[in-house]
Amino acid sequence: MVFLGDSITEQYQYSTYIELYLTTRFPKWELTFLNAGIGGDTAAGGASRFLQHVLAEKPTAVTIDFGMNDGGYGAFDPSRSRNYGKNTAIMLDKAMKEKVRVALCSPNAVDYRSR
C-alpha cells in the first residue's frame, strides 16, 4: 500500500493508524507500506510522480491525499479548484488502468479570514 500526498501524509499520522489497524487485524497477511508524502506538494506534483512513486512499487492500494496546498490557503479560486480536480483525475485514471484500489482523502476546510 502506498500513501501519496503532501505534508499531511509525510507526517505519518493517518498512515500509521492504517498500518497498525491492518497489521494487527490481519497478522497473517504479508503487508508492505510506503509513505510517499512530500511536504508542500500538490495534486499536480502527485500526478507527475505517480508512475515513479506509486505504480513502480506495484501496490494493490493507494491513498491519495492532496488539496491543502492546491487551494493556496486563500479565498476560493476556480482555477486552482479545476487544476486540483484535473490532476486528481489523472492519478485516478492511472491507478484504475493498473487495477490499483484507491482511497481519496479530501482536504480540510480552510477559513482564510482567520489567518
PDB file of N, CA and C in Angstrom:
ATOM      1  N   MET A   1       0.852  -1.169   0.000  1.00  0.00           N
ATOM      2  CA  MET A   1       0.000   0.000   0.000  1.00  0.00           C
ATOM      3  C   MET A   1       0.893   1.226   0.000  1.00  0.00           C
ATOM      4  N   VAL A   2       0.555   2.189  -0.853  1.00  0.00           N
ATOM      5  CA  VAL A   2       1.310   3.440  -0.923  1.00  0.00           C
ATOM      6  C   VAL A   2       0.425   4.571  -0.413  1.00  0.00           C
ATOM      7  N   PHE A   3       1.003   5.424   0.415  1.00  0.00           N
ATOM      8  CA  PHE A   3       0.341   6.628   0.898  1.00  0.00           C
ATOM      9  C   PHE A   3       0.950   7.800   0.133  1.00  0.00           C
ATOM     10  N   LEU A   4       0.184   8.417  -0.762  1.00  0.00           N
ATOM     11  CA  LEU A   4       0.670   9.512  -1.597  1.00  0.00           C
ATOM     12  C   LEU A   4       0.018  10.806  -1.158  1.00  0.00           C
ATOM     13  N   GLY A   5       0.818  11.845  -0.988  1.00  0.00           N
ATOM     14  CA  GLY A   5       0.229  13.116  -0.596  1.00  0.00           C
ATOM     15  C   GLY A   5       1.251  14.181  -0.284  1.00  0.00           C
ATOM     16  N   ASP A   6       0.790  15.148   0.501  1.00  0.00           N
ATOM     17  CA  ASP A   6       1.610  16.295   0.882  1.00  0.00           C
ATOM     18  C   ASP A   6       2.125  16.103   2.316  1.00  0.00           C
ATOM     19  N   SER A   7       2.324  17.190   3.041  1.00  0.00           N
ATOM     20  CA  SER A   7       2.887  17.080   4.396  1.00  0.00           C
ATOM     21  C   SER A   7       1.976  16.320   5.349  1.00  0.00           C
ATOM     22  N   ILE A   8       0.678  16.347   5.111  1.00  0.00           N
ATOM     23  CA  ILE A   8      -0.247  15.612   5.971  1.00  0.00           C
ATOM     24  C   ILE A   8       0.062  14.118   5.901  1.00  0.00           C
ATOM     25  N   THR A   9       0.417  13.647   4.731  1.00  0.00           N
ATOM     26  CA  THR A   9       0.816  12.247   4.548  1.00  0.00           C
ATOM     27  C   THR A   9       2.230  12.030   5.054  1.00  0.00           C
ATOM     28  N   GLU A  10       3.123  12.951   4.720  1.00  0.00           N
ATOM     29  CA  GLU A  10       4.540  12.813   5.077  1.00  0.00           C
ATOM     30  C   GLU A  10       4.735  12.653   6.583  1.00  0.00           C
ATOM     31  N   GLN A  11       3.846  13.219   7.376  1.00  0.00           N
ATOM     32  CA  GLN A  11       3.979  13.189   8.836  1.00  0.00           C
ATOM     33  C   GLN A  11       3.658  11.832   9.460  1.00  0.00           C
ATOM     34  N   TYR A  12       3.214  10.878   8.672  1.00  0.00           N
ATOM     35  CA  TYR A  12       2.922   9.518   9.152  1.00  0.00           C
ATOM     36  C   TYR A  12       1.803   9.461  10.184  1.00  0.00           C
ATOM     37  N   GLN A  13       0.927  10.444  10.236  1.00  0.00           N
ATOM     38  CA  GLN A  13      -0.129  10.375  11.249  1.00  0.00           C
ATOM     39  C   GLN A  13      -1.237   9.425  10.831  1.00  0.00           C
ATOM     40  N   TYR A  14      -1.984   9.745   9.785  1.00  0.00           N
ATOM     41  CA  TYR A  14      -3.082   8.845   9.417  1.00  0.00           C
ATOM     42  C   TYR A  14      -2.561   7.525   8.874  1.00  0.00           C
ATOM     43  N   SER A  15      -1.412   7.555   8.212  1.00  0.00           N
ATOM     44  CA  SER A  15      -0.882   6.306   7.653  1.00  0.00           C
ATOM     45  C   SER A  15      -0.487   5.326   8.760  1.00  0.00           C
ATOM     46  N   THR A  16      -0.002   5.836   9.869  1.00  0.00           N
ATOM     47  CA  THR A  16       0.358   4.968  10.993  1.00  0.00           C
ATOM     48  C   THR A  16      -0.870   4.260  11.549  1.00  0.00           C
ATOM     49  N   TYR A  17      -1.989   4.978  11.660  1.00  0.00           N
ATOM     50  CA  TYR A  17      -3.224   4.348  12.143  1.00  0.00           C
ATOM     51  C   TYR A  17      -3.666   3.221  11.210  1.00  0.00           C
ATOM     52  N   ILE A  18      -3.581   3.466   9.913  1.00  0.00           N
ATOM     53  CA  ILE A  18      -3.980   2.437   8.942  1.00  0.00           C
ATOM     54  C   ILE A  18      -3.044   1.238   9.019  1.00  0.00           C
ATOM     55  N   GLU A  19      -1.743   1.497   9.079  1.00  0.00           N
ATOM     56  CA  GLU A  19      -0.769   0.399   9.188  1.00  0.00           C
ATOM     57  C   GLU A  19      -1.021  -0.441  10.439  1.00  0.00           C
ATOM     58  N   LEU A  20      -1.182   0.223  11.573  1.00  0.00           N
ATOM     59  CA  LEU A  20      -1.402  -0.504  12.826  1.00  0.00           C
ATOM     60  C   LEU A  20      -2.691  -1.312  12.788  1.00  0.00           C
ATOM     61  N   TYR A  21      -3.740  -0.727  12.255  1.00  0.00           N
ATOM     62  CA  TYR A  21      -5.004  -1.451  12.172  1.00  0.00           C
ATOM     63  C   TYR A  21      -4.850  -2.702  11.312  1.00  0.00           C
ATOM     64  N   LEU A  22      -4.307  -2.545  10.113  1.00  0.00           N
ATOM     65  CA  LEU A  22      -4.212  -3.682   9.194  1.00  0.00           C
ATOM     66  C   LEU A  22      -3.266  -4.768   9.697  1.00  0.00           C
ATOM     67  N   THR A  23      -2.140  -4.379  10.280  1.00  0.00           N
ATOM     68  CA  THR A  23      -1.187  -5.399  10.735  1.00  0.00           C
ATOM     69  C   THR A  23      -1.677  -6.131  11.983  1.00  0.00           C
ATOM     70  N   THR A  24      -2.461  -5.468  12.821  1.00  0.00           N
ATOM     71  CA  THR A  24      -2.995  -6.162  13.994  1.00  0.00           C
ATOM     72  C   THR A  24      -4.277  -6.924  13.667  1.00  0.00           C
ATOM     73  N   ARG A  25      -5.068  -6.398  12.768  1.00  0.00           N
ATOM     74  CA  ARG A  25      -6.327  -7.062  12.390  1.00  0.00           C
ATOM     75  C   ARG A  25      -6.084  -8.269  11.489  1.00  0.00           C
ATOM     76  N   PHE A  26      -5.059  -8.188  10.642  1.00  0.00           N
ATOM     77  CA  PHE A  26      -4.760  -9.260   9.686  1.00  0.00           C
ATOM     78  C   PHE A  26      -3.286  -9.666   9.793  1.00  0.00           C
ATOM     79  N   PRO A  27      -2.879 -10.250  10.918  1.00  0.00           N
ATOM     80  CA  PRO A  27      -1.459 -10.532  11.150  1.00  0.00           C
ATOM     81  C   PRO A  27      -0.845 -11.536  10.171  1.00  0.00           C
ATOM     82  N   LYS A  28      -1.647 -12.344   9.527  1.00  0.00           N
ATOM     83  CA  LYS A  28      -1.101 -13.335   8.591  1.00  0.00           C
ATOM     84  C   LYS A  28      -0.907 -12.777   7.180  1.00  0.00           C
ATOM     85  N   TRP A  29      -1.446 -11.619   6.930  1.00  0.00           N
ATOM     86  CA  TRP A  29      -1.275 -11.012   5.606  1.00  0.00           C
ATOM     87  C   TRP A  29       0.146 -10.480   5.470  1.00  0.00           C
ATOM     88  N   GLU A  30       0.708 -10.619   4.316  1.00  0.00           N
ATOM     89  CA  GLU A  30       2.028 -10.033   4.046  1.00  0.00           C
ATOM     90  C   GLU A  30       1.804  -8.627   3.501  1.00  0.00           C
ATOM     91  N   LEU A  31       1.954  -7.655   4.377  1.00  0.00           N
ATOM     92  CA  LEU A  31       1.665  -6.269   4.024  1.00  0.00           C
ATOM     93  C   LEU A  31       2.946  -5.450   3.931  1.00  0.00           C
ATOM     94  N   THR A  32       2.970  -4.571   2.968  1.00  0.00           N
ATOM     95  CA  THR A  32       4.075  -3.627   2.819  1.00  0.00           C
ATOM     96  C   THR A  32       3.474  -2.237   2.664  1.00  0.00           C
ATOM     97  N   PHE A  33       4.060  -1.272   3.358  1.00  0.00           N
ATOM     98  CA  PHE A  33       3.564   0.099   3.312  1.00  0.00           C
ATOM     99  C   PHE A  33       4.691   1.026   2.884  1.00  0.00           C
ATOM    100  N   LEU A  34       4.351   2.026   2.078  1.00  0.00           N
ATOM    101  CA  LEU A  34       5.326   3.019   1.630  1.00  0.00           C
ATOM    102  C   LEU A  34       4.707   4.392   1.754  1.00  0.00           C
ATOM    103  N   ASN A  35       5.375   5.275   2.482  1.00  0.00           N
ATOM    104  CA  ASN A  35       4.912   6.645   2.606  1.00  0.00           C
ATOM    105  C   ASN A  35       5.584   7.476   1.518  1.00  0.00           C
ATOM    106  N   ALA A  36       4.782   7.999   0.600  1.00  0.00           N
ATOM    107  CA  ALA A  36       5.285   8.837  -0.492  1.00  0.00           C
ATOM    108  C   ALA A  36       4.753  10.256  -0.354  1.00  0.00           C
ATOM    109  N   GLY A  37       4.660  10.727   0.887  1.00  0.00           N
ATOM    110  CA  GLY A  37       4.222  12.091   1.129  1.00  0.00           C
ATOM    111  C   GLY A  37       5.391  13.055   1.054  1.00  0.00           C
ATOM    112  N   ILE A  38       5.164  14.205   0.436  1.00  0.00           N
ATOM    113  CA  ILE A  38       6.185  15.248   0.332  1.00  0.00           C
ATOM    114  C   ILE A  38       5.552  16.566   0.760  1.00  0.00           C
ATOM    115  N   GLY A  39       6.093  17.158   1.818  1.00  0.00           N
ATOM    116  CA  GLY A  39       5.578  18.422   2.310  1.00  0.00           C
ATOM    117  C   GLY A  39       5.567  19.493   1.235  1.00  0.00           C
ATOM    118  N   GLY A  40       4.464  20.236   1.161  1.00  0.00           N
ATOM    119  CA  GLY A  40       4.332  21.316   0.194  1.00  0.00           C
ATOM    120  C   GLY A  40       3.860  20.875  -1.180  1.00  0.00           C
ATOM    121  N   ASP A  41       3.698  19.571  -1.372  1.00  0.00           N
ATOM    122  CA  ASP A  41       3.321  19.068  -2.696  1.00  0.00           C
ATOM    123  C   ASP A  41       1.856  19.366  -2.995  1.00  0.00           C
ATOM    124  N   THR A  42       1.515  19.265  -4.267  1.00  0.00           N
ATOM    125  CA  THR A  42       0.158  19.488  -4.749  1.00  0.00           C
ATOM    126  C   THR A  42      -0.279  18.291  -5.586  1.00  0.00           C
ATOM    127  N   ALA A  43      -1.533  18.295  -5.994  1.00  0.00           N
ATOM    128  CA  ALA A  43      -2.028  17.220  -6.856  1.00  0.00           C
ATOM    129  C   ALA A  43      -1.252  17.175  -8.167  1.00  0.00           C
ATOM    130  N   ALA A  44      -0.813  18.320  -8.671  1.00  0.00           N
ATOM    131  CA  ALA A  44      -0.002  18.335  -9.900  1.00  0.00           C
ATOM    132  C   ALA A  44       1.310  17.600  -9.677  1.00  0.00           C
ATOM    133  N   GLY A  45       1.926  17.817  -8.528  1.00  0.00           N
ATOM    134  CA  GLY A  45       3.162  17.104  -8.201  1.00  0.00           C
ATOM    135  C   GLY A  45       2.925  15.616  -8.049  1.00  0.00           C
ATOM    136  N   GLY A  46       1.824  15.254  -7.403  1.00  0.00           N
ATOM    137  CA  GLY A  46       1.486  13.842  -7.246  1.00  0.00           C
ATOM    138  C   GLY A  46       1.249  13.166  -8.581  1.00  0.00           C
ATOM    139  N   ALA A  47       0.560  13.863  -9.478  1.00  0.00           N
ATOM    140  CA  ALA A  47       0.298  13.298 -10.808  1.00  0.00           C
ATOM    141  C   ALA A  47       1.600  13.107 -11.577  1.00  0.00           C
ATOM    142  N   SER A  48       2.526  14.057 -11.417  1.00  0.00           N
ATOM    143  CA  SER A  48       3.784  13.962 -12.170  1.00  0.00           C
ATOM    144  C   SER A  48       4.697  12.854 -11.648  1.00  0.00           C
ATOM    145  N   ARG A  49       4.558  12.493 -10.378  1.00  0.00           N
ATOM    146  CA  ARG A  49       5.423  11.441  -9.825  1.00  0.00           C
ATOM    147  C   ARG A  49       4.681  10.138  -9.554  1.00  0.00           C
ATOM    148  N   PHE A  50       3.462  10.031 -10.054  1.00  0.00           N
ATOM    149  CA  PHE A  50       2.634   8.856  -9.792  1.00  0.00           C
ATOM    150  C   PHE A  50       3.272   7.571 -10.311  1.00  0.00           C
ATOM    151  N   LEU A  51       3.824   7.615 -11.481  1.00  0.00           N
ATOM    152  CA  LEU A  51       4.452   6.415 -12.052  1.00  0.00           C
ATOM    153  C   LEU A  51       5.642   5.978 -11.209  1.00  0.00           C
ATOM    154  N   GLN A  52       6.507   6.927 -10.866  1.00  0.00           N
ATOM    155  CA  GLN A  52       7.738   6.610 -10.138  1.00  0.00           C
ATOM    156  C   GLN A  52       7.482   6.237  -8.680  1.00  0.00           C
ATOM    157  N   HIS A  53       6.632   6.978  -7.995  1.00  0.00           N
ATOM    158  CA  HIS A  53       6.452   6.775  -6.560  1.00  0.00           C
ATOM    159  C   HIS A  53       5.305   5.846  -6.188  1.00  0.00           C
ATOM    160  N   VAL A  54       4.417   5.570  -7.127  1.00  0.00           N
ATOM    161  CA  VAL A  54       3.289   4.684  -6.819  1.00  0.00           C
ATOM    162  C   VAL A  54       3.337   3.431  -7.685  1.00  0.00           C
ATOM    163  N   LEU A  55       3.117   3.581  -8.960  1.00  0.00           N
ATOM    164  CA  LEU A  55       2.988   2.403  -9.826  1.00  0.00           C
ATOM    165  C   LEU A  55       4.254   1.566  -9.901  1.00  0.00           C
ATOM    166  N   ALA A  56       5.415   2.182  -9.786  1.00  0.00           N
ATOM    167  CA  ALA A  56       6.671   1.420  -9.810  1.00  0.00           C
ATOM    168  C   ALA A  56       6.764   0.455  -8.631  1.00  0.00           C
ATOM    169  N   GLU A  57       6.036   0.741  -7.557  1.00  0.00           N
ATOM    170  CA  GLU A  57       6.044  -0.117  -6.369  1.00  0.00           C
ATOM    171  C   GLU A  57       5.072  -1.287  -6.487  1.00  0.00           C
ATOM    172  N   LYS A  58       4.260  -1.306  -7.525  1.00  0.00           N
ATOM    173  CA  LYS A  58       3.276  -2.379  -7.767  1.00  0.00           C
ATOM    174  C   LYS A  58       2.327  -2.572  -6.570  1.00  0.00           C
ATOM    175  N   PRO A  59       1.710  -1.494  -6.094  1.00  0.00           N
ATOM    176  CA  PRO A  59       0.819  -1.637  -4.940  1.00  0.00           C
ATOM    177  C   PRO A  59      -0.530  -2.230  -5.340  1.00  0.00           C
ATOM    178  N   THR A  60      -1.223  -2.751  -4.357  1.00  0.00           N
ATOM    179  CA  THR A  60      -2.605  -3.170  -4.582  1.00  0.00           C
ATOM    180  C   THR A  60      -3.566  -2.053  -4.184  1.00  0.00           C
ATOM    181  N   ALA A  61      -3.060  -1.088  -3.395  1.00  0.00           N
ATOM    182  CA  ALA A  61      -3.899   0.024  -2.945  1.00  0.00           C
ATOM    183  C   ALA A  61      -3.046   1.274  -2.764  1.00  0.00           C
ATOM    184  N   VAL A  62      -3.700   2.429  -2.919  1.00  0.00           N
ATOM    185  CA  VAL A  62      -3.031   3.713  -2.707  1.00  0.00           C
ATOM    186  C   VAL A  62      -4.033   4.680  -2.078  1.00  0.00           C
ATOM    187  N   THR A  63      -3.537   5.494  -1.142  1.00  0.00           N
ATOM    188  CA  THR A  63      -4.331   6.625  -0.672  1.00  0.00           C
ATOM    189  C   THR A  63      -3.783   7.854  -1.376  1.00  0.00           C
ATOM    190  N   ILE A  64      -4.664   8.734  -1.792  1.00  0.00           N
ATOM    191  CA  ILE A  64      -4.274   9.982  -2.449  1.00  0.00           C
ATOM    192  C   ILE A  64      -4.818  11.112  -1.595  1.00  0.00           C
ATOM    193  N   ASP A  65      -3.917  11.917  -1.040  1.00  0.00           N
ATOM    194  CA  ASP A  65      -4.307  12.961  -0.095  1.00  0.00           C
ATOM    195  C   ASP A  65      -3.614  14.274  -0.451  1.00  0.00           C
ATOM    196  N   PHE A  66      -4.269  15.050  -1.281  1.00  0.00           N
ATOM    197  CA  PHE A  66      -3.788  16.380  -1.657  1.00  0.00           C
ATOM    198  C   PHE A  66      -4.933  17.367  -1.480  1.00  0.00           C
ATOM    199  N   GLY A  67      -4.634  18.639  -1.620  1.00  0.00           N
ATOM    200  CA  GLY A  67      -5.684  19.646  -1.612  1.00  0.00           C
ATOM    201  C   GLY A  67      -5.380  20.861  -0.771  1.00  0.00           C
ATOM    202  N   MET A  68      -4.687  20.670   0.344  1.00  0.00           N
ATOM    203  CA  MET A  68      -4.413  21.823   1.204  1.00  0.00           C
ATOM    204  C   MET A  68      -3.536  22.847   0.483  1.00  0.00           C
ATOM    205  N   ASN A  69      -2.454  22.404  -0.114  1.00  0.00           N
ATOM    206  CA  ASN A  69      -1.568  23.329  -0.826  1.00  0.00           C
ATOM    207  C   ASN A  69      -2.165  23.751  -2.165  1.00  0.00           C
ATOM    208  N   ASP A  70      -2.977  22.888  -2.752  1.00  0.00           N
ATOM    209  CA  ASP A  70      -3.624  23.221  -4.022  1.00  0.00           C
ATOM    210  C   ASP A  70      -4.523  24.440  -3.875  1.00  0.00           C
ATOM    211  N   GLY A  71      -5.170  24.562  -2.735  1.00  0.00           N
ATOM    212  CA  GLY A  71      -6.095  25.666  -2.510  1.00  0.00           C
ATOM    213  C   GLY A  71      -5.415  26.995  -2.263  1.00  0.00           C
ATOM    214  N   GLY A  72      -4.149  26.970  -1.897  1.00  0.00           N
ATOM    215  CA  GLY A  72      -3.407  28.210  -1.688  1.00  0.00           C
ATOM    216  C   GLY A  72      -3.714  28.924  -0.390  1.00  0.00           C
ATOM    217  N   TYR A  73      -4.501  28.314   0.495  1.00  0.00           N
ATOM    218  CA  TYR A  73      -4.824  28.901   1.800  1.00  0.00           C
ATOM    219  C   TYR A  73      -5.415  30.302   1.677  1.00  0.00           C
ATOM    220  N   GLY A  74      -6.219  30.521   0.673  1.00  0.00           N
ATOM    221  CA  GLY A  74      -6.873  31.814   0.485  1.00  0.00           C
ATOM    222  C   GLY A  74      -8.318  31.608   0.090  1.00  0.00           C
ATOM    223  N   ALA A  75      -8.915  32.663  -0.413  1.00  0.00           N
ATOM    224  CA  ALA A  75     -10.297  32.584  -0.878  1.00  0.00           C
ATOM    225  C   ALA A  75     -10.402  31.578  -2.022  1.00  0.00           C
ATOM    226  N   PHE A  76     -11.590  31.033  -2.204  1.00  0.00           N
ATOM    227  CA  PHE A  76     -11.806  30.043  -3.261  1.00  0.00           C
ATOM    228  C   PHE A  76     -11.380  30.608  -4.611  1.00  0.00           C
ATOM    229  N   ASP A  77     -10.630  29.809  -5.345  1.00  0.00           N
ATOM    230  CA  ASP A  77     -10.147  30.194  -6.674  1.00  0.00           C
ATOM    231  C   ASP A  77     -10.581  29.110  -7.661  1.00  0.00           C
ATOM    232  N   PRO A  78     -11.491  29.425  -8.577  1.00  0.00           N
ATOM    233  CA  PRO A  78     -11.983  28.414  -9.519  1.00  0.00           C
ATOM    234  C   PRO A  78     -10.874  27.750 -10.334  1.00  0.00           C
ATOM    235  N   SER A  79      -9.862  28.490 -10.700  1.00  0.00           N
ATOM    236  CA  SER A  79      -8.764  27.927 -11.488  1.00  0.00           C
ATOM    237  C   SER A  79      -7.989  26.891 -10.680  1.00  0.00           C
ATOM    238  N   ARG A  80      -7.690  27.211  -9.430  1.00  0.00           N
ATOM    239  CA  ARG A  80      -6.988  26.254  -8.562  1.00  0.00           C
ATOM    240  C   ARG A  80      -7.833  24.999  -8.357  1.00  0.00           C
ATOM    241  N   SER A  81      -9.122  25.203  -8.190  1.00  0.00           N
ATOM    242  CA  SER A  81     -10.026  24.075  -7.988  1.00  0.00           C
ATOM    243  C   SER A  81     -10.052  23.161  -9.219  1.00  0.00           C
ATOM    244  N   ARG A  82     -10.122  23.750 -10.407  1.00  0.00           N
ATOM    245  CA  ARG A  82     -10.108  22.951 -11.642  1.00  0.00           C
ATOM    246  C   ARG A  82      -8.807  22.172 -11.774  1.00  0.00           C
ATOM    247  N   ASN A  83      -7.678  22.826 -11.481  1.00  0.00           N
ATOM    248  CA  ASN A  83      -6.382  22.142 -11.573  1.00  0.00           C
ATOM    249  C   ASN A  83      -6.299  20.980 -10.594  1.00  0.00           C
ATOM    250  N   TYR A  84      -6.795  21.188  -9.390  1.00  0.00           N
ATOM    251  CA  TYR A  84      -6.815  20.119  -8.389  1.00  0.00           C
ATOM    252  C   TYR A  84      -7.641  18.935  -8.901  1.00  0.00           C
ATOM    253  N   GLY A  85      -8.831  19.220  -9.396  1.00  0.00           N
ATOM    254  CA  GLY A  85      -9.695  18.162  -9.915  1.00  0.00           C
ATOM    255  C   GLY A  85      -9.085  17.440 -11.106  1.00  0.00           C
ATOM    256  N   LYS A  86      -8.483  18.202 -12.017  1.00  0.00           N
ATOM    257  CA  LYS A  86      -7.869  17.611 -13.210  1.00  0.00           C
ATOM    258  C   LYS A  86      -6.727  16.678 -12.829  1.00  0.00           C
ATOM    259  N   ASN A  87      -5.863  17.114 -11.929  1.00  0.00           N
ATOM    260  CA  ASN A  87      -4.715  16.294 -11.541  1.00  0.00           C
ATOM    261  C   ASN A  87      -5.116  15.097 -10.689  1.00  0.00           C
ATOM    262  N   THR A  88      -6.143  15.252  -9.885  1.00  0.00           N
ATOM    263  CA  THR A  88      -6.652  14.110  -9.132  1.00  0.00           C
ATOM    264  C   THR A  88      -7.225  13.069 -10.095  1.00  0.00           C
ATOM    265  N   ALA A  89      -7.940  13.519 -11.115  1.00  0.00           N
ATOM    266  CA  ALA A  89      -8.492  12.597 -12.120  1.00  0.00           C
ATOM    267  C   ALA A  89      -7.381  11.863 -12.866  1.00  0.00           C
ATOM    268  N   ILE A  90      -6.278  12.541 -13.140  1.00  0.00           N
ATOM    269  CA  ILE A  90      -5.140  11.896 -13.809  1.00  0.00           C
ATOM    270  C   ILE A  90      -4.618  10.741 -12.954  1.00  0.00           C
ATOM    271  N   MET A  91      -4.462  10.990 -11.646  1.00  0.00           N
ATOM    272  CA  MET A  91      -3.977   9.928 -10.758  1.00  0.00           C
ATOM    273  C   MET A  91      -4.970   8.773 -10.676  1.00  0.00           C
ATOM    274  N   LEU A  92      -6.251   9.096 -10.581  1.00  0.00           N
ATOM    275  CA  LEU A  92      -7.275   8.046 -10.534  1.00  0.00           C
ATOM    276  C   LEU A  92      -7.249   7.194 -11.797  1.00  0.00           C
ATOM    277  N   ASP A  93      -7.149   7.834 -12.947  1.00  0.00           N
ATOM    278  CA  ASP A  93      -7.104   7.097 -14.217  1.00  0.00           C
ATOM    279  C   ASP A  93      -5.904   6.162 -14.272  1.00  0.00           C
ATOM    280  N   LYS A  94      -4.742   6.661 -13.860  1.00  0.00           N
ATOM    281  CA  LYS A  94      -3.536   5.825 -13.880  1.00  0.00           C
ATOM    282  C   LYS A  94      -3.684   4.628 -12.943  1.00  0.00           C
ATOM    283  N   ALA A  95      -4.249   4.862 -11.769  1.00  0.00           N
ATOM    284  CA  ALA A  95      -4.444   3.768 -10.811  1.00  0.00           C
ATOM    285  C   ALA A  95      -5.444   2.746 -11.352  1.00  0.00           C
ATOM    286  N   MET A  96      -6.535   3.226 -11.912  1.00  0.00           N
ATOM    287  CA  MET A  96      -7.566   2.321 -12.417  1.00  0.00           C
ATOM    288  C   MET A  96      -7.042   1.465 -13.565  1.00  0.00           C
ATOM    289  N   LYS A  97      -6.219   2.047 -14.427  1.00  0.00           N
ATOM    290  CA  LYS A  97      -5.650   1.280 -15.545  1.00  0.00           C
ATOM    291  C   LYS A  97      -4.780   0.132 -15.049  1.00  0.00           C
ATOM    292  N   GLU A  98      -4.156   0.313 -13.887  1.00  0.00           N
ATOM    293  CA  GLU A  98      -3.296  -0.726 -13.309  1.00  0.00           C
ATOM    294  C   GLU A  98      -4.031  -1.563 -12.262  1.00  0.00           C
ATOM    295  N   LYS A  99      -5.325  -1.325 -12.123  1.00  0.00           N
ATOM    296  CA  LYS A  99      -6.170  -2.068 -11.175  1.00  0.00           C
ATOM    297  C   LYS A  99      -5.723  -1.896  -9.715  1.00  0.00           C
ATOM    298  N   VAL A 100      -5.265  -0.698  -9.392  1.00  0.00           N
ATOM    299  CA  VAL A 100      -4.874  -0.355  -8.021  1.00  0.00           C
ATOM    300  C   VAL A 100      -6.092   0.276  -7.336  1.00  0.00           C
ATOM    301  N   ARG A 101      -6.454  -0.239  -6.175  1.00  0.00           N
ATOM    302  CA  ARG A 101      -7.562   0.334  -5.415  1.00  0.00           C
ATOM    303  C   ARG A 101      -7.147   1.689  -4.850  1.00  0.00           C
ATOM    304  N   VAL A 102      -8.079   2.626  -4.851  1.00  0.00           N
ATOM    305  CA  VAL A 102      -7.782   3.998  -4.442  1.00  0.00           C
ATOM    306  C   VAL A 102      -8.700   4.432  -3.306  1.00  0.00           C
ATOM    307  N   ALA A 103      -8.099   5.071  -2.305  1.00  0.00           N
ATOM    308  CA  ALA A 103      -8.858   5.769  -1.269  1.00  0.00           C
ATOM    309  C   ALA A 103      -8.502   7.245  -1.397  1.00  0.00           C
ATOM    310  N   LEU A 104      -9.478   8.061  -1.776  1.00  0.00           N
ATOM    311  CA  LEU A 104      -9.252   9.503  -1.880  1.00  0.00           C
ATOM    312  C   LEU A 104      -9.516  10.156  -0.530  1.00  0.00           C
ATOM    313  N   CYS A 105      -8.586  10.968  -0.100  1.00  0.00           N
ATOM    314  CA  CYS A 105      -8.745  11.729   1.137  1.00  0.00           C
ATOM    315  C   CYS A 105      -9.017  13.173   0.746  1.00  0.00           C
ATOM    316  N   SER A 106     -10.032  13.771   1.318  1.00  0.00           N
ATOM    317  CA  SER A 106     -10.376  15.141   0.942  1.00  0.00           C
ATOM    318  C   SER A 106      -9.676  16.137   1.862  1.00  0.00           C
ATOM    319  N   PRO A 107      -9.387  17.321   1.327  1.00  0.00           N
ATOM    320  CA  PRO A 107      -8.721  18.336   2.148  1.00  0.00           C
ATOM    321  C   PRO A 107      -9.676  18.911   3.191  1.00  0.00           C
ATOM    322  N   ASN A 108      -9.080  19.476   4.218  1.00  0.00           N
ATOM    323  CA  ASN A 108      -9.856  20.149   5.253  1.00  0.00           C
ATOM    324  C   ASN A 108     -10.368  21.481   4.726  1.00  0.00           C
ATOM    325  N   ALA A 109     -11.417  21.968   5.350  1.00  0.00           N
ATOM    326  CA  ALA A 109     -11.890  23.312   5.033  1.00  0.00           C
ATOM    327  C   ALA A 109     -10.910  24.323   5.632  1.00  0.00           C
ATOM    328  N   VAL A 110     -10.695  25.420   4.930  1.00  0.00           N
ATOM    329  CA  VAL A 110      -9.790  26.464   5.402  1.00  0.00           C
ATOM    330  C   VAL A 110     -10.558  27.774   5.464  1.00  0.00           C
ATOM    331  N   ASP A 111     -10.511  28.424   6.612  1.00  0.00           N
ATOM    332  CA  ASP A 111     -11.100  29.755   6.737  1.00  0.00           C
ATOM    333  C   ASP A 111      -9.969  30.759   6.635  1.00  0.00           C
ATOM    334  N   TYR A 112      -9.744  31.264   5.428  1.00  0.00           N
ATOM    335  CA  TYR A 112      -8.617  32.166   5.198  1.00  0.00           C
ATOM    336  C   TYR A 112      -8.749  33.465   5.971  1.00  0.00           C
ATOM    337  N   ARG A 113      -9.956  33.796   6.425  1.00  0.00           N
ATOM    338  CA  ARG A 113     -10.144  35.055   7.155  1.00  0.00           C
ATOM    339  C   ARG A 113      -9.567  34.998   8.560  1.00  0.00           C
ATOM    340  N   SER A 114      -9.320  33.795   9.076  1.00  0.00           N
ATOM    341  CA  SER A 114      -8.826  33.668  10.448  1.00  0.00           C
ATOM    342  C   SER A 114      -7.310  33.718  10.527  1.00  0.00           C
ATOM    343  N   ARG A 115      -6.654  33.957   9.424  1.00  0.00           N
ATOM    344  CA  ARG A 115      -5.188  33.980   9.408  1.00  0.00           C
ATOM    345  C   ARG A 115      -4.659  35.249  10.008  1.00  0.00           C
TER     346      ARG A 115
END
